[in-house]
């Protein structure tokens, strides 16, 4: 259950003013000790503003493709227009010594609008087979 900042502050005040031991008070409120200590530390540090929910900040991604590599892939794709994403990935890996997968190459080219959806051939269903099978 999510609590608002004001509800968290009320819970902190309630626990601080309780005559019961901390563990028992939190047990009756249905709040874990780790959650309460997390709230309490944030409350002591920043007051009620510290209790507001914050959007998670993504940490650096260890396998993110560098923008320079993306630009090199795009340049190679524009130069070698007949190559598929697989061929571009293999060529780039062999010439630059930097491994990039076919899927990553495809995503980069798709994001730049260099790959279009394949043309689909639509077929109508027939009421009967043109060459029906016969029992033997």
C-alpha atoms as a PDB file:
ATOM      1  CA  UNK A   1       0.000   0.000   0.000  1.00  0.00           C
ATOM      2  CA  UNK A   2       1.262   3.441  -0.890  1.00  0.00           C
ATOM      3  CA  UNK A   3       1.101   6.180   1.689  1.00  0.00           C
ATOM      4  CA  UNK A   4       1.151   9.889   0.974  1.00  0.00           C
ATOM      5  CA  UNK A   5       3.826  12.080   2.548  1.00  0.00           C
ATOM      6  CA  UNK A   6       1.354  13.397   5.135  1.00  0.00           C
ATOM      7  CA  UNK A   7       0.277   9.858   6.081  1.00  0.00           C
ATOM      8  CA  UNK A   8       3.912   8.835   6.501  1.00  0.00           C
ATOM      9  CA  UNK A   9       4.507  11.878   8.729  1.00  0.00           C
ATOM     10  CA  UNK A  10       1.466  10.928  10.839  1.00  0.00           C
ATOM     11  CA  UNK A  11       2.764   7.378  11.205  1.00  0.00           C
ATOM     12  CA  UNK A  12       6.173   8.691  12.273  1.00  0.00           C
ATOM     13  CA  UNK A  13       4.553  10.937  14.888  1.00  0.00           C
ATOM     14  CA  UNK A  14       2.345   8.077  16.075  1.00  0.00           C
ATOM     15  CA  UNK A  15       5.323   5.730  16.472  1.00  0.00           C
ATOM     16  CA  UNK A  16       7.435   8.405  18.205  1.00  0.00           C
ATOM     17  CA  UNK A  17       4.652   9.169  20.713  1.00  0.00           C
ATOM     18  CA  UNK A  18       3.621   5.554  21.322  1.00  0.00           C
ATOM     19  CA  UNK A  19       4.242   4.078  24.762  1.00  0.00           C
ATOM     20  CA  UNK A  20       4.618   0.624  23.153  1.00  0.00           C
ATOM     21  CA  UNK A  21       7.947  -0.693  21.894  1.00  0.00           C
ATOM     22  CA  UNK A  22       8.788   0.221  18.291  1.00  0.00           C
ATOM     23  CA  UNK A  23       8.537  -3.337  16.994  1.00  0.00           C
ATOM     24  CA  UNK A  24       5.079  -3.862  18.481  1.00  0.00           C
ATOM     25  CA  UNK A  25       3.757  -0.494  17.296  1.00  0.00           C
ATOM     26  CA  UNK A  26       4.917  -1.133  13.751  1.00  0.00           C
ATOM     27  CA  UNK A  27       3.489  -4.647  13.884  1.00  0.00           C
ATOM     28  CA  UNK A  28       0.069  -3.258  14.802  1.00  0.00           C
ATOM     29  CA  UNK A  29       0.295  -0.717  11.961  1.00  0.00           C
ATOM     30  CA  UNK A  30       1.391  -3.388   9.491  1.00  0.00           C
ATOM     31  CA  UNK A  31       4.598  -1.585   8.535  1.00  0.00           C
ATOM     32  CA  UNK A  32       7.993  -3.249   8.370  1.00  0.00           C
ATOM     33  CA  UNK A  33      10.846  -1.865  10.450  1.00  0.00           C
ATOM     34  CA  UNK A  34      13.033  -1.336   7.382  1.00  0.00           C
ATOM     35  CA  UNK A  35      10.295   0.749   5.738  1.00  0.00           C
ATOM     36  CA  UNK A  36       9.789   2.794   8.889  1.00  0.00           C
ATOM     37  CA  UNK A  37      13.529   3.450   9.339  1.00  0.00           C
ATOM     38  CA  UNK A  38      13.766   4.440   5.686  1.00  0.00           C
ATOM     39  CA  UNK A  39      10.914   6.930   6.144  1.00  0.00           C
ATOM     40  CA  UNK A  40      12.329   8.165   9.461  1.00  0.00           C
ATOM     41  CA  UNK A  41      15.809   8.813   8.012  1.00  0.00           C
ATOM     42  CA  UNK A  42      14.318  10.720   5.091  1.00  0.00           C
ATOM     43  CA  UNK A  43      12.063  12.675   7.478  1.00  0.00           C
ATOM     44  CA  UNK A  44      14.997  13.652   9.710  1.00  0.00           C
ATOM     45  CA  UNK A  45      17.044  14.706   6.708  1.00  0.00           C
ATOM     46  CA  UNK A  46      14.482  16.627   4.609  1.00  0.00           C
ATOM     47  CA  UNK A  47      11.336  16.915   6.723  1.00  0.00           C
ATOM     48  CA  UNK A  48       7.979  16.139   5.160  1.00  0.00           C
ATOM     49  CA  UNK A  49       9.391  16.836   1.668  1.00  0.00           C
ATOM     50  CA  UNK A  50      11.704  13.861   2.115  1.00  0.00           C
ATOM     51  CA  UNK A  51       8.683  11.586   2.496  1.00  0.00           C
ATOM     52  CA  UNK A  52       7.252  12.347  -0.941  1.00  0.00           C
ATOM     53  CA  UNK A  53       7.485   9.568  -3.501  1.00  0.00           C
ATOM     54  CA  UNK A  54      10.217  10.191  -6.021  1.00  0.00           C
ATOM     55  CA  UNK A  55      10.519   8.771  -9.485  1.00  0.00           C
ATOM     56  CA  UNK A  56      13.255   6.171  -9.624  1.00  0.00           C
ATOM     57  CA  UNK A  57      16.390   7.437 -11.290  1.00  0.00           C
ATOM     58  CA  UNK A  58      17.874   4.857 -13.620  1.00  0.00           C
ATOM     59  CA  UNK A  59      21.459   3.991 -12.955  1.00  0.00           C
ATOM     60  CA  UNK A  60      23.901   3.986 -15.801  1.00  0.00           C
ATOM     61  CA  UNK A  61      23.281   1.128 -18.180  1.00  0.00           C
ATOM     62  CA  UNK A  62      26.322  -1.078 -18.526  1.00  0.00           C
ATOM     63  CA  UNK A  63      25.536  -2.226 -22.056  1.00  0.00           C
ATOM     64  CA  UNK A  64      24.258   0.991 -23.605  1.00  0.00           C
ATOM     65  CA  UNK A  65      25.453   1.537 -27.151  1.00  0.00           C
ATOM     66  CA  UNK A  66      27.463   4.729 -27.430  1.00  0.00           C
ATOM     67  CA  UNK A  67      26.117   7.486 -29.667  1.00  0.00           C
ATOM     68  CA  UNK A  68      29.370   7.469 -31.647  1.00  0.00           C
ATOM     69  CA  UNK A  69      28.855   3.775 -32.429  1.00  0.00           C
ATOM     70  CA  UNK A  70      25.241   4.445 -33.429  1.00  0.00           C
ATOM     71  CA  UNK A  71      26.388   7.204 -35.770  1.00  0.00           C
ATOM     72  CA  UNK A  72      29.012   4.902 -37.305  1.00  0.00           C
ATOM     73  CA  UNK A  73      26.369   2.196 -37.888  1.00  0.00           C
ATOM     74  CA  UNK A  74      24.081   4.740 -39.557  1.00  0.00           C
ATOM     75  CA  UNK A  75      26.932   6.017 -41.728  1.00  0.00           C
ATOM     76  CA  UNK A  76      27.813   2.458 -42.750  1.00  0.00           C
ATOM     77  CA  UNK A  77      24.143   1.705 -43.533  1.00  0.00           C
ATOM     78  CA  UNK A  78      23.857   4.814 -45.707  1.00  0.00           C
ATOM     79  CA  UNK A  79      27.057   3.882 -47.521  1.00  0.00           C
ATOM     80  CA  UNK A  80      26.165   0.189 -47.967  1.00  0.00           C
ATOM     81  CA  UNK A  81      22.457   0.454 -48.828  1.00  0.00           C
ATOM     82  CA  UNK A  82      22.135  -3.135 -50.086  1.00  0.00           C
ATOM     83  CA  UNK A  83      23.247  -4.739 -46.819  1.00  0.00           C
ATOM     84  CA  UNK A  84      20.822  -6.254 -44.335  1.00  0.00           C
ATOM     85  CA  UNK A  85      21.097  -5.458 -40.606  1.00  0.00           C
ATOM     86  CA  UNK A  86      22.872  -8.808 -40.140  1.00  0.00           C
ATOM     87  CA  UNK A  87      25.435  -8.020 -42.816  1.00  0.00           C
ATOM     88  CA  UNK A  88      25.934  -4.531 -41.411  1.00  0.00           C
ATOM     89  CA  UNK A  89      26.498  -5.932 -37.912  1.00  0.00           C
ATOM     90  CA  UNK A  90      29.044  -8.475 -39.163  1.00  0.00           C
ATOM     91  CA  UNK A  91      30.837  -5.903 -41.333  1.00  0.00           C
ATOM     92  CA  UNK A  92      30.948  -3.380 -38.490  1.00  0.00           C
ATOM     93  CA  UNK A  93      32.255  -5.980 -36.047  1.00  0.00           C
ATOM     94  CA  UNK A  94      34.967  -7.116 -38.468  1.00  0.00           C
ATOM     95  CA  UNK A  95      36.120  -3.652 -39.527  1.00  0.00           C
ATOM     96  CA  UNK A  96      35.790  -1.744 -36.243  1.00  0.00           C
ATOM     97  CA  UNK A  97      36.553  -4.535 -33.774  1.00  0.00           C
ATOM     98  CA  UNK A  98      33.452  -3.560 -31.769  1.00  0.00           C
ATOM     99  CA  UNK A  99      30.771  -6.222 -31.426  1.00  0.00           C
ATOM    100  CA  UNK A 100      27.216  -5.183 -32.135  1.00  0.00           C
ATOM    101  CA  UNK A 101      24.363  -7.629 -32.568  1.00  0.00           C
ATOM    102  CA  UNK A 102      22.043  -7.863 -35.535  1.00  0.00           C
ATOM    103  CA  UNK A 103      19.107  -6.960 -33.280  1.00  0.00           C
ATOM    104  CA  UNK A 104      20.839  -3.817 -32.015  1.00  0.00           C
ATOM    105  CA  UNK A 105      21.729  -2.826 -35.547  1.00  0.00           C
ATOM    106  CA  UNK A 106      18.116  -3.349 -36.602  1.00  0.00           C
ATOM    107  CA  UNK A 107      16.821  -1.203 -33.703  1.00  0.00           C
ATOM    108  CA  UNK A 108      19.250   1.610 -34.511  1.00  0.00           C
ATOM    109  CA  UNK A 109      18.269   1.626 -38.191  1.00  0.00           C
ATOM    110  CA  UNK A 110      14.547   1.330 -37.365  1.00  0.00           C
ATOM    111  CA  UNK A 111      14.767   4.325 -34.989  1.00  0.00           C
ATOM    112  CA  UNK A 112      16.377   6.382 -37.758  1.00  0.00           C
ATOM    113  CA  UNK A 113      13.686   5.400 -40.250  1.00  0.00           C
ATOM    114  CA  UNK A 114      16.129   3.482 -42.428  1.00  0.00           C
ATOM    115  CA  UNK A 115      14.110   0.264 -42.261  1.00  0.00           C
ATOM    116  CA  UNK A 116      10.544   0.080 -43.443  1.00  0.00           C
ATOM    117  CA  UNK A 117       8.039  -2.633 -42.777  1.00  0.00           C
ATOM    118  CA  UNK A 118       8.027  -5.369 -45.392  1.00  0.00           C
ATOM    119  CA  UNK A 119       5.230  -5.351 -47.940  1.00  0.00           C
ATOM    120  CA  UNK A 120       2.746  -8.061 -47.105  1.00  0.00           C
ATOM    121  CA  UNK A 121       0.902  -9.953 -49.805  1.00  0.00           C
ATOM    122  CA  UNK A 122      -2.670 -10.467 -48.755  1.00  0.00           C
ATOM    123  CA  UNK A 123      -4.457 -13.553 -49.978  1.00  0.00           C
ATOM    124  CA  UNK A 124      -8.149 -14.245 -49.874  1.00  0.00           C
ATOM    125  CA  UNK A 125      -9.419 -17.477 -48.466  1.00  0.00           C
ATOM    126  CA  UNK A 126     -11.326 -19.592 -50.981  1.00  0.00           C
ATOM    127  CA  UNK A 127     -14.540 -21.402 -50.243  1.00  0.00           C
ATOM    128  CA  UNK A 128     -13.073 -24.562 -51.776  1.00  0.00           C
ATOM    129  CA  UNK A 129      -9.617 -25.826 -52.571  1.00  0.00           C
ATOM    130  CA  UNK A 130      -8.679 -25.453 -56.238  1.00  0.00           C
ATOM    131  CA  UNK A 131      -7.200 -28.966 -56.258  1.00  0.00           C
ATOM    132  CA  UNK A 132      -9.074 -30.922 -53.582  1.00  0.00           C
ATOM    133  CA  UNK A 133      -7.663 -34.218 -52.423  1.00  0.00           C
ATOM    134  CA  UNK A 134      -9.613 -37.349 -53.170  1.00  0.00           C
ATOM    135  CA  UNK A 135      -9.888 -40.511 -51.117  1.00  0.00           C
ATOM    136  CA  UNK A 136      -7.694 -43.325 -52.378  1.00  0.00           C
END
